[in-house]
């Protein structure tokens, strides 16, 4: 089962994203549980906030593509945008001091795998395994 949609780079979509993860959980039959829904929602919200703040510098005219693929053992969550990319060297593994944020290290702490790809679009791909919910 796969869900894909696009939103504009406005923070007003954040509550929708939280509710969407709850709906995906119910529709897929893969009970993440309250903790799993919270973790996946938090990681998705952090990734979208990063796109709004860093890729689009707060502009509301950008587009953010979101995909969620429900697998037997995990969820794959993708967040793609065409804004300003950045170098991730060292950023995913540790909290930043000074300039920069904590979004990527939080995402990394919550997800089993995190990958960043550049190309026509910048893509953050996150994997949450169902057995991580304990």
Foldseek 3Di string as FASTA:
>chain_A
DKDKDKDFLDLVCLVVLLVVLVVCCVVVVLPLDPQRSVLVSLLVSLVSPCCCCPFVVNDRGWMWMWMWDDDPFKIKIKIKTQGDDDDCVVPQCDADDDPDGRSNVSNSVSFPDWDWDDDNIIMIITMHTSVVSD
